[in-house]
Amino acid sequence: MNKLNNEQHLAALRFKSAARDLEHIVRHIAGRYIVQQVPLTWRLLHAIEAEALADLGFASRHDPLMLGLFQRPDDFHFPETDDPVDFGQSNALPAVFAFAVAAYDEARKSKPKIGSQRAITKGVGRAWGG
């Protein structure tokens, strides 16, 4: 029984490590678009997902079984349009989608208010649609 618990613990640690790694990759990719003030659309979200999951470093650091855990199930269909991303109140998101949405939300929350001098001088617009 102790061996099983140890294996489960190690598997959980590997999963947690892979999730952190993937989150870092997704935030880096999303950050490129956030800096350019590109709105988060469904099409962009799919592109971020494809790039993150194709990352060779990510694939080389984790075994294929672990990588498969982060693939979006075939029956999870999302629009592929230029409409702004809106999941409503859903919390059942594929990992890459959740990481990208979180990065955009954090950027939105940390951006200066429109009335501040910094926002006026930089001409900051709302980069995530809506």
C-alpha atoms as a PDB file:
ATOM      1  CA  MET A   1       0.000   0.000   0.000  1.00  0.00           C
ATOM      2  CA  ASN A   2       2.846   2.386   0.793  1.00  0.00           C
ATOM      3  CA  LYS A   3       4.300   1.849  -2.686  1.00  0.00           C
ATOM      4  CA  LEU A   4       0.968   2.818  -4.274  1.00  0.00           C
ATOM      5  CA  ASN A   5       0.753   5.986  -2.196  1.00  0.00           C
ATOM      6  CA  ASN A   6       4.319   6.879  -3.135  1.00  0.00           C
ATOM      7  CA  GLU A   7       3.598   6.337  -6.854  1.00  0.00           C
ATOM      8  CA  GLN A   8       0.449   8.451  -6.623  1.00  0.00           C
ATOM      9  CA  HIS A   9       2.392  11.179  -4.858  1.00  0.00           C
ATOM     10  CA  LEU A  10       5.117  11.139  -7.529  1.00  0.00           C
ATOM     11  CA  ALA A  11       2.507  11.207 -10.313  1.00  0.00           C
ATOM     12  CA  ALA A  12       0.812  14.180  -8.654  1.00  0.00           C
ATOM     13  CA  LEU A  13       4.157  15.991  -8.433  1.00  0.00           C
ATOM     14  CA  ARG A  14       4.881  15.303 -12.109  1.00  0.00           C
ATOM     15  CA  PHE A  15       1.438  16.578 -13.081  1.00  0.00           C
ATOM     16  CA  LYS A  16       1.867  19.715 -10.978  1.00  0.00           C
ATOM     17  CA  SER A  17       5.280  20.347 -12.525  1.00  0.00           C
ATOM     18  CA  ALA A  18       3.915  19.909 -16.061  1.00  0.00           C
ATOM     19  CA  ALA A  19       0.963  22.207 -15.301  1.00  0.00           C
ATOM     20  CA  ARG A  20       3.296  24.941 -14.002  1.00  0.00           C
ATOM     21  CA  ASP A  21       5.504  24.508 -17.047  1.00  0.00           C
ATOM     22  CA  LEU A  22       2.542  24.765 -19.420  1.00  0.00           C
ATOM     23  CA  GLU A  23       1.163  27.780 -17.580  1.00  0.00           C
ATOM     24  CA  HIS A  24       4.518  29.551 -17.929  1.00  0.00           C
ATOM     25  CA  ILE A  25       4.579  28.792 -21.669  1.00  0.00           C
ATOM     26  CA  VAL A  26       0.980  29.960 -22.193  1.00  0.00           C
ATOM     27  CA  ARG A  27       1.530  33.168 -20.210  1.00  0.00           C
ATOM     28  CA  HIS A  28       4.630  33.915 -22.289  1.00  0.00           C
ATOM     29  CA  ILE A  29       2.714  33.410 -25.542  1.00  0.00           C
ATOM     30  CA  ALA A  30      -0.325  35.394 -24.333  1.00  0.00           C
ATOM     31  CA  GLY A  31       1.999  38.122 -23.047  1.00  0.00           C
ATOM     32  CA  ARG A  32       3.233  38.779 -26.579  1.00  0.00           C
ATOM     33  CA  TYR A  33      -0.332  39.542 -27.647  1.00  0.00           C
ATOM     34  CA  ILE A  34      -1.222  41.472 -24.500  1.00  0.00           C
ATOM     35  CA  VAL A  35       1.728  43.824 -25.000  1.00  0.00           C
ATOM     36  CA  GLN A  36       0.508  44.472 -28.549  1.00  0.00           C
ATOM     37  CA  GLN A  37      -3.041  44.999 -27.195  1.00  0.00           C
ATOM     38  CA  VAL A  38      -4.441  42.215 -29.385  1.00  0.00           C
ATOM     39  CA  PRO A  39      -7.940  41.255 -28.218  1.00  0.00           C
ATOM     40  CA  LEU A  40      -8.434  37.725 -26.945  1.00  0.00           C
ATOM     41  CA  THR A  41     -10.644  36.170 -29.584  1.00  0.00           C
ATOM     42  CA  TRP A  42     -11.607  32.561 -30.046  1.00  0.00           C
ATOM     43  CA  ARG A  43      -9.284  32.294 -33.041  1.00  0.00           C
ATOM     44  CA  LEU A  44      -6.363  33.682 -31.020  1.00  0.00           C
ATOM     45  CA  LEU A  45      -7.153  31.360 -28.121  1.00  0.00           C
ATOM     46  CA  HIS A  46      -6.955  28.361 -30.461  1.00  0.00           C
ATOM     47  CA  ALA A  47      -3.644  29.669 -31.855  1.00  0.00           C
ATOM     48  CA  ILE A  48      -2.215  30.084 -28.337  1.00  0.00           C
ATOM     49  CA  GLU A  49      -3.317  26.544 -27.498  1.00  0.00           C
ATOM     50  CA  ALA A  50      -1.721  25.094 -30.644  1.00  0.00           C
ATOM     51  CA  GLU A  51       1.559  26.928 -30.066  1.00  0.00           C
ATOM     52  CA  ALA A  52       1.767  26.003 -26.393  1.00  0.00           C
ATOM     53  CA  LEU A  53       1.044  22.322 -26.912  1.00  0.00           C
ATOM     54  CA  ALA A  54       3.527  22.178 -29.813  1.00  0.00           C
ATOM     55  CA  ASP A  55       6.313  23.690 -27.690  1.00  0.00           C
ATOM     56  CA  LEU A  56       9.302  21.384 -28.152  1.00  0.00           C
ATOM     57  CA  GLY A  57      10.732  22.191 -24.737  1.00  0.00           C
ATOM     58  CA  PHE A  58       7.465  21.247 -23.063  1.00  0.00           C
ATOM     59  CA  ALA A  59       7.293  18.007 -25.049  1.00  0.00           C
ATOM     60  CA  SER A  60      10.871  17.102 -24.183  1.00  0.00           C
ATOM     61  CA  ARG A  61      10.469  17.729 -20.446  1.00  0.00           C
ATOM     62  CA  HIS A  62       7.364  15.591 -19.943  1.00  0.00           C
ATOM     63  CA  ASP A  63       6.427  12.071 -20.982  1.00  0.00           C
ATOM     64  CA  PRO A  64       3.753  11.488 -23.662  1.00  0.00           C
ATOM     65  CA  LEU A  65       1.194  10.257 -21.131  1.00  0.00           C
ATOM     66  CA  MET A  66       1.533  13.499 -19.157  1.00  0.00           C
ATOM     67  CA  LEU A  67       1.317  15.588 -22.348  1.00  0.00           C
ATOM     68  CA  GLY A  68      -1.911  13.822 -23.252  1.00  0.00           C
ATOM     69  CA  LEU A  69      -3.514  15.043 -20.047  1.00  0.00           C
ATOM     70  CA  PHE A  70      -3.311  18.613 -21.333  1.00  0.00           C
ATOM     71  CA  GLN A  71      -4.792  17.928 -24.768  1.00  0.00           C
ATOM     72  CA  ARG A  72      -8.326  19.233 -25.190  1.00  0.00           C
ATOM     73  CA  PRO A  73     -10.794  16.340 -25.507  1.00  0.00           C
ATOM     74  CA  ASP A  74     -12.172  15.889 -29.013  1.00  0.00           C
ATOM     75  CA  ASP A  75     -15.716  16.518 -27.815  1.00  0.00           C
ATOM     76  CA  PHE A  76     -14.837  19.963 -26.378  1.00  0.00           C
ATOM     77  CA  HIS A  77     -15.742  22.227 -29.273  1.00  0.00           C
ATOM     78  CA  PHE A  78     -15.292  25.974 -29.088  1.00  0.00           C
ATOM     79  CA  PRO A  79     -15.912  28.642 -31.734  1.00  0.00           C
ATOM     80  CA  GLU A  80     -13.088  29.525 -34.113  1.00  0.00           C
ATOM     81  CA  THR A  81     -14.187  33.073 -34.821  1.00  0.00           C
ATOM     82  CA  ASP A  82     -12.873  36.560 -34.260  1.00  0.00           C
ATOM     83  CA  ASP A  83     -15.491  37.170 -31.571  1.00  0.00           C
ATOM     84  CA  PRO A  84     -14.192  38.034 -28.093  1.00  0.00           C
ATOM     85  CA  VAL A  85     -13.786  35.057 -25.781  1.00  0.00           C
ATOM     86  CA  ASP A  86     -16.568  34.676 -23.249  1.00  0.00           C
ATOM     87  CA  PHE A  87     -16.917  31.592 -21.068  1.00  0.00           C
ATOM     88  CA  GLY A  88     -19.572  33.150 -18.884  1.00  0.00           C
ATOM     89  CA  GLN A  89     -19.520  31.500 -15.473  1.00  0.00           C
ATOM     90  CA  SER A  90     -18.023  28.229 -16.719  1.00  0.00           C
ATOM     91  CA  ASN A  91     -15.069  26.860 -14.823  1.00  0.00           C
ATOM     92  CA  ALA A  92     -14.653  23.727 -16.956  1.00  0.00           C
ATOM     93  CA  LEU A  93     -11.966  24.985 -19.292  1.00  0.00           C
ATOM     94  CA  PRO A  94      -9.111  23.193 -20.990  1.00  0.00           C
ATOM     95  CA  ALA A  95      -5.856  24.040 -19.186  1.00  0.00           C
ATOM     96  CA  VAL A  96      -4.377  26.191 -21.956  1.00  0.00           C
ATOM     97  CA  PHE A  97      -7.597  28.174 -22.306  1.00  0.00           C
ATOM     98  CA  ALA A  98      -7.753  28.764 -18.560  1.00  0.00           C
ATOM     99  CA  PHE A  99      -4.120  29.915 -18.404  1.00  0.00           C
ATOM    100  CA  ALA A 100      -4.562  32.310 -21.352  1.00  0.00           C
ATOM    101  CA  VAL A 101      -7.799  33.788 -19.996  1.00  0.00           C
ATOM    102  CA  ALA A 102      -6.148  34.247 -16.586  1.00  0.00           C
ATOM    103  CA  ALA A 103      -3.205  36.072 -18.175  1.00  0.00           C
ATOM    104  CA  TYR A 104      -5.557  38.440 -20.028  1.00  0.00           C
ATOM    105  CA  ASP A 105      -7.679  38.982 -16.905  1.00  0.00           C
ATOM    106  CA  GLU A 106      -4.608  39.805 -14.813  1.00  0.00           C
ATOM    107  CA  ALA A 107      -3.381  42.229 -17.467  1.00  0.00           C
ATOM    108  CA  ARG A 108      -6.804  43.892 -17.552  1.00  0.00           C
ATOM    109  CA  LYS A 109      -6.901  44.236 -13.766  1.00  0.00           C
ATOM    110  CA  SER A 110      -3.382  45.625 -13.521  1.00  0.00           C
ATOM    111  CA  LYS A 111      -3.726  48.181 -16.293  1.00  0.00           C
ATOM    112  CA  PRO A 112      -4.080  51.822 -15.222  1.00  0.00           C
ATOM    113  CA  LYS A 113      -7.541  53.355 -15.087  1.00  0.00           C
ATOM    114  CA  ILE A 114      -8.549  55.338 -18.162  1.00  0.00           C
ATOM    115  CA  GLY A 115      -8.645  58.565 -16.142  1.00  0.00           C
ATOM    116  CA  SER A 116      -5.032  58.323 -15.049  1.00  0.00           C
ATOM    117  CA  GLN A 117      -2.378  60.408 -16.774  1.00  0.00           C
ATOM    118  CA  ARG A 118      -0.366  57.346 -17.738  1.00  0.00           C
ATOM    119  CA  ALA A 119      -3.301  55.795 -19.596  1.00  0.00           C
ATOM    120  CA  ILE A 120      -4.048  59.042 -21.395  1.00  0.00           C
ATOM    121  CA  THR A 121      -0.476  59.557 -22.545  1.00  0.00           C
ATOM    122  CA  LYS A 122      -0.073  55.978 -23.702  1.00  0.00           C
ATOM    123  CA  GLY A 123      -3.498  55.809 -25.362  1.00  0.00           C
ATOM    124  CA  VAL A 124      -4.241  52.473 -23.725  1.00  0.00           C
ATOM    125  CA  GLY A 125      -7.338  50.794 -25.096  1.00  0.00           C
ATOM    126  CA  ARG A 126      -9.151  47.709 -23.930  1.00  0.00           C
ATOM    127  CA  ALA A 127      -7.137  44.874 -25.402  1.00  0.00           C
ATOM    128  CA  TRP A 128      -9.417  41.924 -24.621  1.00  0.00           C
ATOM    129  CA  GLY A 129     -12.555  42.864 -26.466  1.00  0.00           C
ATOM    130  CA  GLY A 130     -15.792  44.320 -25.219  1.00  0.00           C
END
